[in-house]
């Protein structure tokens, strides 16, 4: 079995990882080699989409509750390794990972084979897409209340040729 988060990993959760002392050291080492790692950045630009404060901690450019975007698959793997280490240290019995295609499909559609996350009838007011303003609008949720299960700009991660991931989607807690 598996559990899946109702929302994507947030910017605040990601920056807890970024501002961990070991991660800050890795970021500095990469920057000395002219590389950017673990910091959100546009796909064709290595310039980070965040700022470093006088205290040495990075501040996100997006609101803390927004889904984390503009990171690479290798960044995600490092985040998951860090998150699993923190969970183990806290005595949690979970293993954090990205959901498989099968897990994502079940979380989005539910266990009853529905056509859409909200049921079998299409409802434009619940769909996320280019022609909808999401500020204050309704959001699609699956049978288990997984939010934004219909996709849109924060859908299941896709890796392009540059190893860019559009979003770190709801990650699974796999019971060991």
C-alpha atoms as a PDB file:
ATOM      1  CA  UNK A   1       0.000   0.000   0.000  1.00  0.00           C
ATOM      2  CA  UNK A   2       0.913   3.648  -0.160  1.00  0.00           C
ATOM      3  CA  UNK A   3      -0.175   7.027   1.106  1.00  0.00           C
ATOM      4  CA  UNK A   4       0.053  10.149  -1.011  1.00  0.00           C
ATOM      5  CA  UNK A   5       0.107  13.792   0.011  1.00  0.00           C
ATOM      6  CA  UNK A   6      -2.957  15.866  -0.835  1.00  0.00           C
ATOM      7  CA  UNK A   7      -0.829  18.673  -2.265  1.00  0.00           C
ATOM      8  CA  UNK A   8       2.557  18.979  -3.940  1.00  0.00           C
ATOM      9  CA  UNK A   9       5.712  19.662  -1.967  1.00  0.00           C
ATOM     10  CA  UNK A  10       5.574  23.338  -1.073  1.00  0.00           C
ATOM     11  CA  UNK A  11       8.210  25.983  -1.523  1.00  0.00           C
ATOM     12  CA  UNK A  12       8.507  26.191   2.292  1.00  0.00           C
ATOM     13  CA  UNK A  13       9.196  22.442   2.538  1.00  0.00           C
ATOM     14  CA  UNK A  14      11.780  22.652  -0.236  1.00  0.00           C
ATOM     15  CA  UNK A  15      13.591  25.573   1.387  1.00  0.00           C
ATOM     16  CA  UNK A  16      13.825  23.654   4.680  1.00  0.00           C
ATOM     17  CA  UNK A  17      15.985  21.272   2.629  1.00  0.00           C
ATOM     18  CA  UNK A  18      17.883  24.063   0.838  1.00  0.00           C
ATOM     19  CA  UNK A  19      18.747  25.785   4.126  1.00  0.00           C
ATOM     20  CA  UNK A  20      19.949  22.620   5.860  1.00  0.00           C
ATOM     21  CA  UNK A  21      23.669  23.180   6.669  1.00  0.00           C
ATOM     22  CA  UNK A  22      24.812  20.183   4.586  1.00  0.00           C
ATOM     23  CA  UNK A  23      22.761  21.358   1.598  1.00  0.00           C
ATOM     24  CA  UNK A  24      24.135  24.894   1.905  1.00  0.00           C
ATOM     25  CA  UNK A  25      27.660  23.443   1.747  1.00  0.00           C
ATOM     26  CA  UNK A  26      26.758  21.450  -1.380  1.00  0.00           C
ATOM     27  CA  UNK A  27      25.254  24.556  -3.003  1.00  0.00           C
ATOM     28  CA  UNK A  28      28.418  26.582  -2.268  1.00  0.00           C
ATOM     29  CA  UNK A  29      30.667  23.807  -3.630  1.00  0.00           C
ATOM     30  CA  UNK A  30      28.598  23.632  -6.835  1.00  0.00           C
ATOM     31  CA  UNK A  31      28.693  27.422  -7.227  1.00  0.00           C
ATOM     32  CA  UNK A  32      32.504  27.361  -6.931  1.00  0.00           C
ATOM     33  CA  UNK A  33      32.451  25.053  -9.983  1.00  0.00           C
ATOM     34  CA  UNK A  34      30.095  27.439 -11.808  1.00  0.00           C
ATOM     35  CA  UNK A  35      27.020  25.251 -11.310  1.00  0.00           C
ATOM     36  CA  UNK A  36      23.664  25.814  -9.658  1.00  0.00           C
ATOM     37  CA  UNK A  37      22.116  22.957  -7.754  1.00  0.00           C
ATOM     38  CA  UNK A  38      19.103  22.538  -5.445  1.00  0.00           C
ATOM     39  CA  UNK A  39      17.919  26.086  -6.144  1.00  0.00           C
ATOM     40  CA  UNK A  40      14.902  26.708  -8.403  1.00  0.00           C
ATOM     41  CA  UNK A  41      15.945  28.035 -11.804  1.00  0.00           C
ATOM     42  CA  UNK A  42      14.514  28.524 -15.264  1.00  0.00           C
ATOM     43  CA  UNK A  43      15.213  25.713 -17.710  1.00  0.00           C
ATOM     44  CA  UNK A  44      17.590  27.691 -19.926  1.00  0.00           C
ATOM     45  CA  UNK A  45      19.212  29.713 -17.171  1.00  0.00           C
ATOM     46  CA  UNK A  46      21.391  28.732 -14.254  1.00  0.00           C
ATOM     47  CA  UNK A  47      20.479  31.905 -12.349  1.00  0.00           C
ATOM     48  CA  UNK A  48      18.490  30.920  -9.225  1.00  0.00           C
ATOM     49  CA  UNK A  49      14.904  32.121  -8.746  1.00  0.00           C
ATOM     50  CA  UNK A  50      15.546  32.948  -5.087  1.00  0.00           C
ATOM     51  CA  UNK A  51      17.689  35.257  -2.989  1.00  0.00           C
ATOM     52  CA  UNK A  52      20.224  34.655  -0.260  1.00  0.00           C
ATOM     53  CA  UNK A  53      19.782  36.754   2.851  1.00  0.00           C
ATOM     54  CA  UNK A  54      22.489  38.339   4.983  1.00  0.00           C
ATOM     55  CA  UNK A  55      22.131  35.376   7.359  1.00  0.00           C
ATOM     56  CA  UNK A  56      23.194  33.004   4.553  1.00  0.00           C
ATOM     57  CA  UNK A  57      19.757  31.415   4.205  1.00  0.00           C
ATOM     58  CA  UNK A  58      17.944  31.316   0.882  1.00  0.00           C
ATOM     59  CA  UNK A  59      14.527  32.928   0.526  1.00  0.00           C
ATOM     60  CA  UNK A  60      12.099  31.645  -2.115  1.00  0.00           C
ATOM     61  CA  UNK A  61      10.769  33.929  -4.806  1.00  0.00           C
ATOM     62  CA  UNK A  62       7.358  32.242  -4.624  1.00  0.00           C
ATOM     63  CA  UNK A  63       4.875  32.176  -1.724  1.00  0.00           C
ATOM     64  CA  UNK A  64       5.723  29.505   0.902  1.00  0.00           C
ATOM     65  CA  UNK A  65       2.528  27.510   0.241  1.00  0.00           C
ATOM     66  CA  UNK A  66       2.987  27.357  -3.538  1.00  0.00           C
ATOM     67  CA  UNK A  67       4.063  24.091  -5.200  1.00  0.00           C
ATOM     68  CA  UNK A  68       7.796  23.728  -5.767  1.00  0.00           C
ATOM     69  CA  UNK A  69       8.782  24.160  -9.426  1.00  0.00           C
ATOM     70  CA  UNK A  70      11.867  24.656 -11.608  1.00  0.00           C
ATOM     71  CA  UNK A  71      14.082  21.999 -10.072  1.00  0.00           C
ATOM     72  CA  UNK A  72      15.860  19.038 -11.658  1.00  0.00           C
ATOM     73  CA  UNK A  73      15.276  15.343 -11.139  1.00  0.00           C
ATOM     74  CA  UNK A  74      18.670  15.063  -9.438  1.00  0.00           C
ATOM     75  CA  UNK A  75      17.575  17.879  -7.078  1.00  0.00           C
ATOM     76  CA  UNK A  76      14.426  15.889  -6.272  1.00  0.00           C
ATOM     77  CA  UNK A  77      16.452  12.753  -5.592  1.00  0.00           C
ATOM     78  CA  UNK A  78      18.671  14.690  -3.158  1.00  0.00           C
ATOM     79  CA  UNK A  79      15.576  16.170  -1.463  1.00  0.00           C
ATOM     80  CA  UNK A  80      14.039  12.709  -1.051  1.00  0.00           C
ATOM     81  CA  UNK A  81      17.282  11.319   0.392  1.00  0.00           C
ATOM     82  CA  UNK A  82      17.347  14.232   2.869  1.00  0.00           C
ATOM     83  CA  UNK A  83      13.642  13.839   3.715  1.00  0.00           C
ATOM     84  CA  UNK A  84      14.000  10.105   4.298  1.00  0.00           C
ATOM     85  CA  UNK A  85      17.009  10.690   6.560  1.00  0.00           C
ATOM     86  CA  UNK A  86      14.999  13.258   8.578  1.00  0.00           C
ATOM     87  CA  UNK A  87      12.048  10.842   8.794  1.00  0.00           C
ATOM     88  CA  UNK A  88      14.309   8.032  10.004  1.00  0.00           C
ATOM     89  CA  UNK A  89      15.885  10.310  12.632  1.00  0.00           C
ATOM     90  CA  UNK A  90      12.382  11.262  13.834  1.00  0.00           C
ATOM     91  CA  UNK A  91      11.360   7.607  14.090  1.00  0.00           C
ATOM     92  CA  UNK A  92       8.876   7.777  11.209  1.00  0.00           C
ATOM     93  CA  UNK A  93       8.121   4.482   9.496  1.00  0.00           C
ATOM     94  CA  UNK A  94       7.658   6.019   6.070  1.00  0.00           C
ATOM     95  CA  UNK A  95       9.736   6.022   2.929  1.00  0.00           C
ATOM     96  CA  UNK A  96       9.204   9.165   0.874  1.00  0.00           C
ATOM     97  CA  UNK A  97       9.347   8.911  -2.902  1.00  0.00           C
ATOM     98  CA  UNK A  98       7.681  10.247  -6.019  1.00  0.00           C
ATOM     99  CA  UNK A  99       4.556   8.285  -6.835  1.00  0.00           C
ATOM    100  CA  UNK A 100       4.780   5.781  -9.645  1.00  0.00           C
ATOM    101  CA  UNK A 101       2.502   6.262 -12.642  1.00  0.00           C
ATOM    102  CA  UNK A 102       0.196   3.576 -11.229  1.00  0.00           C
ATOM    103  CA  UNK A 103       0.089   5.196  -7.772  1.00  0.00           C
ATOM    104  CA  UNK A 104      -0.588   8.643  -9.274  1.00  0.00           C
ATOM    105  CA  UNK A 105      -3.379   7.242 -11.451  1.00  0.00           C
ATOM    106  CA  UNK A 106      -5.051   5.549  -8.482  1.00  0.00           C
ATOM    107  CA  UNK A 107      -4.719   8.669  -6.337  1.00  0.00           C
ATOM    108  CA  UNK A 108      -6.155  10.845  -9.118  1.00  0.00           C
ATOM    109  CA  UNK A 109      -8.990   8.602 -10.295  1.00  0.00           C
ATOM    110  CA  UNK A 110      -9.809   6.773  -7.109  1.00  0.00           C
ATOM    111  CA  UNK A 111     -10.396   3.074  -6.650  1.00  0.00           C
ATOM    112  CA  UNK A 112     -13.656   2.957  -8.565  1.00  0.00           C
ATOM    113  CA  UNK A 113     -12.341   3.648 -12.094  1.00  0.00           C
ATOM    114  CA  UNK A 114     -13.930   7.074 -12.489  1.00  0.00           C
ATOM    115  CA  UNK A 115     -13.167   9.010 -15.656  1.00  0.00           C
ATOM    116  CA  UNK A 116     -12.191  12.229 -13.866  1.00  0.00           C
ATOM    117  CA  UNK A 117     -10.907  12.903 -10.338  1.00  0.00           C
ATOM    118  CA  UNK A 118     -14.341  14.259  -9.306  1.00  0.00           C
ATOM    119  CA  UNK A 119     -16.499  11.581 -11.011  1.00  0.00           C
ATOM    120  CA  UNK A 120     -17.592  10.353 -14.434  1.00  0.00           C
ATOM    121  CA  UNK A 121     -19.071  13.585 -15.788  1.00  0.00           C
ATOM    122  CA  UNK A 122     -16.744  16.321 -17.062  1.00  0.00           C
ATOM    123  CA  UNK A 123     -17.155  19.613 -15.205  1.00  0.00           C
ATOM    124  CA  UNK A 124     -15.185  22.542 -16.642  1.00  0.00           C
ATOM    125  CA  UNK A 125     -15.420  24.441 -13.350  1.00  0.00           C
ATOM    126  CA  UNK A 126     -13.353  21.726 -11.667  1.00  0.00           C
ATOM    127  CA  UNK A 127     -10.721  21.382 -14.393  1.00  0.00           C
ATOM    128  CA  UNK A 128      -7.374  23.118 -14.262  1.00  0.00           C
ATOM    129  CA  UNK A 129      -6.096  24.529 -17.519  1.00  0.00           C
ATOM    130  CA  UNK A 130      -4.934  27.444 -19.601  1.00  0.00           C
ATOM    131  CA  UNK A 131      -8.380  29.037 -19.845  1.00  0.00           C
ATOM    132  CA  UNK A 132      -9.144  29.160 -16.158  1.00  0.00           C
ATOM    133  CA  UNK A 133      -8.216  31.611 -13.438  1.00  0.00           C
ATOM    134  CA  UNK A 134      -7.273  29.538 -10.395  1.00  0.00           C
ATOM    135  CA  UNK A 135      -7.353  32.433  -7.942  1.00  0.00           C
ATOM    136  CA  UNK A 136     -10.176  31.462  -5.633  1.00  0.00           C
ATOM    137  CA  UNK A 137     -11.735  29.031  -8.080  1.00  0.00           C
ATOM    138  CA  UNK A 138     -12.803  25.478  -7.411  1.00  0.00           C
ATOM    139  CA  UNK A 139     -10.087  22.838  -7.425  1.00  0.00           C
ATOM    140  CA  UNK A 140     -10.410  19.258  -8.527  1.00  0.00           C
ATOM    141  CA  UNK A 141      -9.844  16.684  -5.841  1.00  0.00           C
ATOM    142  CA  UNK A 142      -9.858  12.930  -6.162  1.00  0.00           C
ATOM    143  CA  UNK A 143     -11.850  10.478  -4.097  1.00  0.00           C
ATOM    144  CA  UNK A 144      -9.107  10.747  -1.442  1.00  0.00           C
ATOM    145  CA  UNK A 145      -8.896  14.547  -1.646  1.00  0.00           C
ATOM    146  CA  UNK A 146      -5.647  14.669  -3.638  1.00  0.00           C
ATOM    147  CA  UNK A 147      -5.755  18.261  -4.915  1.00  0.00           C
ATOM    148  CA  UNK A 148      -5.125  19.315  -8.526  1.00  0.00           C
ATOM    149  CA  UNK A 149      -5.391  15.663  -9.596  1.00  0.00           C
ATOM    150  CA  UNK A 150      -6.607  16.796 -13.012  1.00  0.00           C
ATOM    151  CA  UNK A 151      -3.162  18.153 -13.868  1.00  0.00           C
ATOM    152  CA  UNK A 152      -2.644  21.604 -15.302  1.00  0.00           C
ATOM    153  CA  UNK A 153       0.498  23.561 -14.555  1.00  0.00           C
ATOM    154  CA  UNK A 154       1.336  21.499 -11.473  1.00  0.00           C
ATOM    155  CA  UNK A 155       0.817  18.012 -12.799  1.00  0.00           C
ATOM    156  CA  UNK A 156       2.868  14.874 -12.380  1.00  0.00           C
ATOM    157  CA  UNK A 157       6.533  15.676 -13.045  1.00  0.00           C
ATOM    158  CA  UNK A 158       7.844  15.503 -16.575  1.00  0.00           C
ATOM    159  CA  UNK A 159      11.509  15.528 -17.359  1.00  0.00           C
ATOM    160  CA  UNK A 160      12.584  17.212 -20.577  1.00  0.00           C
ATOM    161  CA  UNK A 161      15.917  16.794 -22.319  1.00  0.00           C
ATOM    162  CA  UNK A 162      17.534  19.262 -19.911  1.00  0.00           C
ATOM    163  CA  UNK A 163      16.575  17.214 -16.842  1.00  0.00           C
ATOM    164  CA  UNK A 164      14.073  19.902 -15.820  1.00  0.00           C
ATOM    165  CA  UNK A 165      11.092  18.853 -13.772  1.00  0.00           C
ATOM    166  CA  UNK A 166       7.972  20.985 -14.030  1.00  0.00           C
ATOM    167  CA  UNK A 167       6.847  20.322 -10.473  1.00  0.00           C
ATOM    168  CA  UNK A 168       7.643  18.108  -7.542  1.00  0.00           C
ATOM    169  CA  UNK A 169       4.269  16.495  -7.347  1.00  0.00           C
ATOM    170  CA  UNK A 170       2.523  14.925  -4.392  1.00  0.00           C
ATOM    171  CA  UNK A 171       5.026  12.450  -3.122  1.00  0.00           C
ATOM    172  CA  UNK A 172       4.128   9.054  -1.813  1.00  0.00           C
ATOM    173  CA  UNK A 173       4.781   7.698   1.630  1.00  0.00           C
ATOM    174  CA  UNK A 174       5.370   4.022   0.966  1.00  0.00           C
ATOM    175  CA  UNK A 175       4.785   1.778   3.942  1.00  0.00           C
ATOM    176  CA  UNK A 176       7.779  -0.518   4.504  1.00  0.00           C
END
